[in-house]
């Protein structure tokens, strides 16, 4: 859903335009729920965070000065609300401590997939990934969506949040850095590592699926 420019949208919301509010709810609530769920213990709690966020947004519209994108402003309220609720659930910890210290280090692809020093081409793939037939048709399968959803659920918090904001919600790197208060370099590393895990899992699934179809 395409929303109007921020100035038009905010003006409509300030005027109590119910249609404008409904359009924003439809456009953002699902992604807000995913983001809130990363900070609190239950789905029901995440739903309450989203509800509290919208109430805070409506009550604070007069304070929006346009120094950031309206969506970024709304999501920042969401993150702050979710962190406070997480604290009440004894789950509040600093953003920089959400994961083990080695989250941003180490290989993004299993090293055993590459040739060692004794190989003909050290550092190169041992074998090329299996060819994926009809990728467009395969990508539409419900199984692929299930695999991706499962992988996202297994990712460390910061990786899951960043890849969700970038690849599912379509936010720019600048918006994500501003929202989460992280550096551009850190955002790139988190996104790269998350994408690598998803890509690796999908490669295994698609290779198995292709082999099964060839029988």
C-alpha atoms as a PDB file:
ATOM      1  CA  UNK A   1       0.000   0.000   0.000  1.00  0.00           C
ATOM      2  CA  UNK A   2       1.355   3.416  -1.013  1.00  0.00           C
ATOM      3  CA  UNK A   3       0.870   6.103   1.599  1.00  0.00           C
ATOM      4  CA  UNK A   4       0.823   9.847   0.861  1.00  0.00           C
ATOM      5  CA  UNK A   5       3.876  12.021   1.662  1.00  0.00           C
ATOM      6  CA  UNK A   6       4.574  12.568   5.341  1.00  0.00           C
ATOM      7  CA  UNK A   7       3.263  16.115   5.461  1.00  0.00           C
ATOM      8  CA  UNK A   8      -0.039  15.094   3.885  1.00  0.00           C
ATOM      9  CA  UNK A   9      -0.359  11.986   6.034  1.00  0.00           C
ATOM     10  CA  UNK A  10       0.459  13.724   9.311  1.00  0.00           C
ATOM     11  CA  UNK A  11      -1.935  16.579   8.505  1.00  0.00           C
ATOM     12  CA  UNK A  12      -4.720  14.074   7.852  1.00  0.00           C
ATOM     13  CA  UNK A  13      -4.026  12.246  11.099  1.00  0.00           C
ATOM     14  CA  UNK A  14      -3.993  15.512  13.044  1.00  0.00           C
ATOM     15  CA  UNK A  15      -7.379  16.312  11.497  1.00  0.00           C
ATOM     16  CA  UNK A  16      -8.759  13.007  12.774  1.00  0.00           C
ATOM     17  CA  UNK A  17      -9.068  11.428   9.321  1.00  0.00           C
ATOM     18  CA  UNK A  18     -10.126   7.855  10.149  1.00  0.00           C
ATOM     19  CA  UNK A  19      -9.418   6.624   6.608  1.00  0.00           C
ATOM     20  CA  UNK A  20      -5.831   7.888   6.820  1.00  0.00           C
ATOM     21  CA  UNK A  21      -5.364   6.195  10.181  1.00  0.00           C
ATOM     22  CA  UNK A  22      -6.797   2.932   8.837  1.00  0.00           C
ATOM     23  CA  UNK A  23      -4.398   3.027   5.890  1.00  0.00           C
ATOM     24  CA  UNK A  24      -1.402   3.479   8.196  1.00  0.00           C
ATOM     25  CA  UNK A  25      -2.592   0.649  10.420  1.00  0.00           C
ATOM     26  CA  UNK A  26      -2.901  -1.660   7.424  1.00  0.00           C
ATOM     27  CA  UNK A  27       0.507  -0.663   6.077  1.00  0.00           C
ATOM     28  CA  UNK A  28       2.606  -0.821   9.253  1.00  0.00           C
ATOM     29  CA  UNK A  29       0.945  -2.865  11.980  1.00  0.00           C
ATOM     30  CA  UNK A  30       2.221  -6.278  10.833  1.00  0.00           C
ATOM     31  CA  UNK A  31       5.842  -5.182  10.708  1.00  0.00           C
ATOM     32  CA  UNK A  32       5.444  -3.315  13.992  1.00  0.00           C
ATOM     33  CA  UNK A  33       4.170  -6.502  15.584  1.00  0.00           C
ATOM     34  CA  UNK A  34       7.201  -8.447  14.324  1.00  0.00           C
ATOM     35  CA  UNK A  35       9.549  -5.825  15.683  1.00  0.00           C
ATOM     36  CA  UNK A  36       7.789  -5.616  19.061  1.00  0.00           C
ATOM     37  CA  UNK A  37       7.887  -9.401  19.405  1.00  0.00           C
ATOM     38  CA  UNK A  38      11.689  -9.244  19.400  1.00  0.00           C
ATOM     39  CA  UNK A  39      11.654  -7.346  22.684  1.00  0.00           C
ATOM     40  CA  UNK A  40       8.844  -8.984  24.675  1.00  0.00           C
ATOM     41  CA  UNK A  41       8.061 -12.489  25.811  1.00  0.00           C
ATOM     42  CA  UNK A  42       4.729 -13.282  24.140  1.00  0.00           C
ATOM     43  CA  UNK A  43       2.722 -12.503  21.028  1.00  0.00           C
ATOM     44  CA  UNK A  44      -0.065 -11.048  23.186  1.00  0.00           C
ATOM     45  CA  UNK A  45       2.428  -8.731  24.855  1.00  0.00           C
ATOM     46  CA  UNK A  46       3.683  -7.604  21.444  1.00  0.00           C
ATOM     47  CA  UNK A  47       0.118  -6.815  20.397  1.00  0.00           C
ATOM     48  CA  UNK A  48      -0.293  -4.631  23.479  1.00  0.00           C
ATOM     49  CA  UNK A  49       2.962  -2.854  22.652  1.00  0.00           C
ATOM     50  CA  UNK A  50       1.642  -2.042  19.171  1.00  0.00           C
ATOM     51  CA  UNK A  51      -1.641  -0.781  20.623  1.00  0.00           C
ATOM     52  CA  UNK A  52       0.197   1.361  23.171  1.00  0.00           C
ATOM     53  CA  UNK A  53       2.421   2.702  20.408  1.00  0.00           C
ATOM     54  CA  UNK A  54      -0.504   3.826  18.279  1.00  0.00           C
ATOM     55  CA  UNK A  55      -2.066   5.549  21.279  1.00  0.00           C
ATOM     56  CA  UNK A  56       1.220   7.336  21.950  1.00  0.00           C
ATOM     57  CA  UNK A  57       1.492   8.310  18.279  1.00  0.00           C
ATOM     58  CA  UNK A  58      -2.005   9.794  18.181  1.00  0.00           C
ATOM     59  CA  UNK A  59      -1.446  11.632  21.455  1.00  0.00           C
ATOM     60  CA  UNK A  60       1.938  12.915  20.358  1.00  0.00           C
ATOM     61  CA  UNK A  61       1.237  13.972  16.770  1.00  0.00           C
ATOM     62  CA  UNK A  62       1.525  17.627  17.723  1.00  0.00           C
ATOM     63  CA  UNK A  63       5.107  16.929  18.758  1.00  0.00           C
ATOM     64  CA  UNK A  64       6.197  15.470  15.412  1.00  0.00           C
ATOM     65  CA  UNK A  65       8.526  18.046  13.859  1.00  0.00           C
ATOM     66  CA  UNK A  66       9.499  16.197  10.688  1.00  0.00           C
ATOM     67  CA  UNK A  67      13.198  15.954  11.551  1.00  0.00           C
ATOM     68  CA  UNK A  68      13.017  12.268  10.625  1.00  0.00           C
ATOM     69  CA  UNK A  69      10.633  10.264   8.484  1.00  0.00           C
ATOM     70  CA  UNK A  70       7.234   9.838  10.089  1.00  0.00           C
ATOM     71  CA  UNK A  71       7.605   6.054   9.920  1.00  0.00           C
ATOM     72  CA  UNK A  72      10.960   6.230  11.687  1.00  0.00           C
ATOM     73  CA  UNK A  73       9.394   8.405  14.391  1.00  0.00           C
ATOM     74  CA  UNK A  74       6.565   5.897  14.881  1.00  0.00           C
ATOM     75  CA  UNK A  75       8.933   2.930  14.988  1.00  0.00           C
ATOM     76  CA  UNK A  76      11.184   4.683  17.488  1.00  0.00           C
ATOM     77  CA  UNK A  77       8.181   5.070  19.783  1.00  0.00           C
ATOM     78  CA  UNK A  78       7.484   1.374  19.250  1.00  0.00           C
ATOM     79  CA  UNK A  79      11.024   0.324  20.170  1.00  0.00           C
ATOM     80  CA  UNK A  80      11.007   2.473  23.299  1.00  0.00           C
ATOM     81  CA  UNK A  81       7.597   1.139  24.324  1.00  0.00           C
ATOM     82  CA  UNK A  82       8.680  -2.456  23.695  1.00  0.00           C
ATOM     83  CA  UNK A  83      11.896  -2.004  25.688  1.00  0.00           C
ATOM     84  CA  UNK A  84       9.979  -0.607  28.656  1.00  0.00           C
ATOM     85  CA  UNK A  85       7.532  -3.486  28.573  1.00  0.00           C
ATOM     86  CA  UNK A  86      10.377  -5.957  28.191  1.00  0.00           C
ATOM     87  CA  UNK A  87      11.961  -4.465  31.288  1.00  0.00           C
ATOM     88  CA  UNK A  88       8.798  -5.114  33.242  1.00  0.00           C
ATOM     89  CA  UNK A  89       9.014  -8.702  32.057  1.00  0.00           C
ATOM     90  CA  UNK A  90      12.610  -8.904  33.296  1.00  0.00           C
ATOM     91  CA  UNK A  91      13.885  -9.160  29.757  1.00  0.00           C
ATOM     92  CA  UNK A  92      15.224  -5.639  29.255  1.00  0.00           C
ATOM     93  CA  UNK A  93      18.923  -5.553  28.313  1.00  0.00           C
ATOM     94  CA  UNK A  94      20.966  -3.014  26.327  1.00  0.00           C
ATOM     95  CA  UNK A  95      20.784  -3.269  22.554  1.00  0.00           C
ATOM     96  CA  UNK A  96      24.542  -3.876  22.388  1.00  0.00           C
ATOM     97  CA  UNK A  97      24.178  -6.816  24.776  1.00  0.00           C
ATOM     98  CA  UNK A  98      21.291  -8.633  23.114  1.00  0.00           C
ATOM     99  CA  UNK A  99      23.682 -11.190  21.636  1.00  0.00           C
ATOM    100  CA  UNK A 100      26.981 -12.865  22.470  1.00  0.00           C
ATOM    101  CA  UNK A 101      29.969 -10.674  21.691  1.00  0.00           C
ATOM    102  CA  UNK A 102      30.968 -12.852  18.721  1.00  0.00           C
ATOM    103  CA  UNK A 103      27.732 -12.191  16.819  1.00  0.00           C
ATOM    104  CA  UNK A 104      29.432  -9.907  14.320  1.00  0.00           C
ATOM    105  CA  UNK A 105      32.456 -12.144  13.829  1.00  0.00           C
ATOM    106  CA  UNK A 106      33.275 -15.545  12.424  1.00  0.00           C
ATOM    107  CA  UNK A 107      32.438 -17.117   9.048  1.00  0.00           C
ATOM    108  CA  UNK A 108      29.094 -16.406   7.405  1.00  0.00           C
ATOM    109  CA  UNK A 109      29.287 -19.628   5.357  1.00  0.00           C
ATOM    110  CA  UNK A 110      30.363 -23.047   6.643  1.00  0.00           C
ATOM    111  CA  UNK A 111      34.168 -23.195   6.034  1.00  0.00           C
ATOM    112  CA  UNK A 112      33.957 -26.894   5.116  1.00  0.00           C
ATOM    113  CA  UNK A 113      32.238 -25.894   1.876  1.00  0.00           C
ATOM    114  CA  UNK A 114      35.531 -24.452   0.617  1.00  0.00           C
ATOM    115  CA  UNK A 115      38.734 -26.227  -0.461  1.00  0.00           C
ATOM    116  CA  UNK A 116      41.529 -26.323   2.075  1.00  0.00           C
ATOM    117  CA  UNK A 117      45.206 -25.588   1.602  1.00  0.00           C
ATOM    118  CA  UNK A 118      45.737 -29.030   0.058  1.00  0.00           C
ATOM    119  CA  UNK A 119      43.023 -28.534  -2.566  1.00  0.00           C
ATOM    120  CA  UNK A 120      43.579 -27.732  -6.219  1.00  0.00           C
ATOM    121  CA  UNK A 121      42.062 -24.277  -5.679  1.00  0.00           C
ATOM    122  CA  UNK A 122      42.422 -23.313  -1.988  1.00  0.00           C
ATOM    123  CA  UNK A 123      39.620 -21.093  -0.774  1.00  0.00           C
ATOM    124  CA  UNK A 124      37.318 -21.942  -3.680  1.00  0.00           C
ATOM    125  CA  UNK A 125      34.077 -23.920  -3.446  1.00  0.00           C
ATOM    126  CA  UNK A 126      34.541 -27.681  -3.102  1.00  0.00           C
ATOM    127  CA  UNK A 127      31.622 -27.992  -5.480  1.00  0.00           C
ATOM    128  CA  UNK A 128      29.216 -25.490  -6.950  1.00  0.00           C
ATOM    129  CA  UNK A 129      25.814 -25.210  -5.271  1.00  0.00           C
ATOM    130  CA  UNK A 130      23.158 -27.389  -6.851  1.00  0.00           C
ATOM    131  CA  UNK A 131      21.378 -25.816  -9.798  1.00  0.00           C
ATOM    132  CA  UNK A 132      17.924 -24.561  -8.907  1.00  0.00           C
ATOM    133  CA  UNK A 133      15.363 -25.380 -11.539  1.00  0.00           C
ATOM    134  CA  UNK A 134      12.377 -23.094 -12.086  1.00  0.00           C
ATOM    135  CA  UNK A 135      13.288 -20.718  -9.251  1.00  0.00           C
ATOM    136  CA  UNK A 136      10.267 -18.501  -9.890  1.00  0.00           C
ATOM    137  CA  UNK A 137       7.848 -21.396  -9.422  1.00  0.00           C
ATOM    138  CA  UNK A 138       9.748 -22.758  -6.435  1.00  0.00           C
ATOM    139  CA  UNK A 139       9.839 -19.403  -4.678  1.00  0.00           C
ATOM    140  CA  UNK A 140       6.070 -19.301  -4.661  1.00  0.00           C
ATOM    141  CA  UNK A 141       5.756 -22.473  -2.668  1.00  0.00           C
ATOM    142  CA  UNK A 142       4.396 -22.262   0.828  1.00  0.00           C
ATOM    143  CA  UNK A 143       7.277 -24.480   1.948  1.00  0.00           C
ATOM    144  CA  UNK A 144       9.801 -21.783   1.061  1.00  0.00           C
ATOM    145  CA  UNK A 145       7.935 -19.207   3.096  1.00  0.00           C
ATOM    146  CA  UNK A 146       7.842 -21.677   5.979  1.00  0.00           C
ATOM    147  CA  UNK A 147      11.597 -22.245   5.726  1.00  0.00           C
ATOM    148  CA  UNK A 148      12.307 -18.518   5.707  1.00  0.00           C
ATOM    149  CA  UNK A 149       9.974 -17.919   8.641  1.00  0.00           C
ATOM    150  CA  UNK A 150      11.680 -20.704  10.574  1.00  0.00           C
ATOM    151  CA  UNK A 151      15.145 -19.335   9.900  1.00  0.00           C
ATOM    152  CA  UNK A 152      14.147 -15.830  10.948  1.00  0.00           C
ATOM    153  CA  UNK A 153      12.802 -17.230  14.194  1.00  0.00           C
ATOM    154  CA  UNK A 154      16.181 -18.841  14.924  1.00  0.00           C
ATOM    155  CA  UNK A 155      18.301 -15.766  14.226  1.00  0.00           C
ATOM    156  CA  UNK A 156      19.781 -13.758  17.096  1.00  0.00           C
ATOM    157  CA  UNK A 157      17.629 -10.762  17.997  1.00  0.00           C
ATOM    158  CA  UNK A 158      19.638  -8.024  16.316  1.00  0.00           C
ATOM    159  CA  UNK A 159      20.080  -9.964  13.090  1.00  0.00           C
ATOM    160  CA  UNK A 160      16.376 -10.813  12.975  1.00  0.00           C
ATOM    161  CA  UNK A 161      15.379  -7.208  13.627  1.00  0.00           C
ATOM    162  CA  UNK A 162      17.696  -5.791  10.979  1.00  0.00           C
ATOM    163  CA  UNK A 163      16.808  -8.269   8.225  1.00  0.00           C
ATOM    164  CA  UNK A 164      13.105  -7.880   9.010  1.00  0.00           C
ATOM    165  CA  UNK A 165      13.308  -4.111   8.779  1.00  0.00           C
ATOM    166  CA  UNK A 166      15.426  -4.136   5.614  1.00  0.00           C
ATOM    167  CA  UNK A 167      14.124  -7.098   3.595  1.00  0.00           C
ATOM    168  CA  UNK A 168      10.573  -7.536   4.858  1.00  0.00           C
ATOM    169  CA  UNK A 169       9.610  -3.942   5.599  1.00  0.00           C
ATOM    170  CA  UNK A 170      11.754  -2.311   2.915  1.00  0.00           C
ATOM    171  CA  UNK A 171      13.366   0.293   5.165  1.00  0.00           C
ATOM    172  CA  UNK A 172      16.618   1.846   4.031  1.00  0.00           C
ATOM    173  CA  UNK A 173      19.930   1.315   5.804  1.00  0.00           C
ATOM    174  CA  UNK A 174      19.820   4.939   6.986  1.00  0.00           C
ATOM    175  CA  UNK A 175      16.364   4.453   8.491  1.00  0.00           C
ATOM    176  CA  UNK A 176      17.420   1.271  10.287  1.00  0.00           C
ATOM    177  CA  UNK A 177      20.564   2.889  11.681  1.00  0.00           C
ATOM    178  CA  UNK A 178      18.546   5.868  12.882  1.00  0.00           C
ATOM    179  CA  UNK A 179      15.837   3.693  14.394  1.00  0.00           C
ATOM    180  CA  UNK A 180      18.124   1.253  16.199  1.00  0.00           C
ATOM    181  CA  UNK A 181      20.909   3.740  16.942  1.00  0.00           C
ATOM    182  CA  UNK A 182      23.620   1.591  15.388  1.00  0.00           C
ATOM    183  CA  UNK A 183      26.433   2.438  12.996  1.00  0.00           C
ATOM    184  CA  UNK A 184      26.203   1.886   9.266  1.00  0.00           C
ATOM    185  CA  UNK A 185      29.021  -0.663   9.485  1.00  0.00           C
ATOM    186  CA  UNK A 186      27.266  -2.609  12.234  1.00  0.00           C
ATOM    187  CA  UNK A 187      24.017  -2.569  10.271  1.00  0.00           C
ATOM    188  CA  UNK A 188      25.798  -3.954   7.196  1.00  0.00           C
ATOM    189  CA  UNK A 189      27.415  -6.758   9.184  1.00  0.00           C
ATOM    190  CA  UNK A 190      24.180  -7.765  10.895  1.00  0.00           C
ATOM    191  CA  UNK A 191      22.281  -7.747   7.603  1.00  0.00           C
ATOM    192  CA  UNK A 192      25.005  -9.664   5.770  1.00  0.00           C
ATOM    193  CA  UNK A 193      25.198 -12.361   8.417  1.00  0.00           C
ATOM    194  CA  UNK A 194      21.414 -12.721   8.609  1.00  0.00           C
ATOM    195  CA  UNK A 195      21.110 -12.952   4.821  1.00  0.00           C
ATOM    196  CA  UNK A 196      23.925 -15.504   4.715  1.00  0.00           C
ATOM    197  CA  UNK A 197      22.104 -17.769   7.183  1.00  0.00           C
ATOM    198  CA  UNK A 198      18.828 -17.486   5.273  1.00  0.00           C
ATOM    199  CA  UNK A 199      20.591 -18.081   1.948  1.00  0.00           C
ATOM    200  CA  UNK A 200      22.419 -21.125   3.301  1.00  0.00           C
ATOM    201  CA  UNK A 201      19.232 -22.669   4.666  1.00  0.00           C
ATOM    202  CA  UNK A 202      17.348 -21.998   1.440  1.00  0.00           C
ATOM    203  CA  UNK A 203      20.179 -23.492  -0.603  1.00  0.00           C
ATOM    204  CA  UNK A 204      19.931 -26.704   1.386  1.00  0.00           C
ATOM    205  CA  UNK A 205      16.154 -26.804   1.074  1.00  0.00           C
ATOM    206  CA  UNK A 206      16.110 -26.070  -2.656  1.00  0.00           C
ATOM    207  CA  UNK A 207      18.869 -28.571  -3.357  1.00  0.00           C
ATOM    208  CA  UNK A 208      16.917 -31.277  -1.524  1.00  0.00           C
ATOM    209  CA  UNK A 209      13.699 -30.256  -3.247  1.00  0.00           C
ATOM    210  CA  UNK A 210      15.336 -30.313  -6.679  1.00  0.00           C
ATOM    211  CA  UNK A 211      16.852 -33.739  -6.019  1.00  0.00           C
ATOM    212  CA  UNK A 212      13.469 -35.077  -4.954  1.00  0.00           C
ATOM    213  CA  UNK A 213      11.804 -33.794  -8.112  1.00  0.00           C
ATOM    214  CA  UNK A 214      14.426 -35.477 -10.254  1.00  0.00           C
ATOM    215  CA  UNK A 215      13.633 -38.919  -8.939  1.00  0.00           C
END
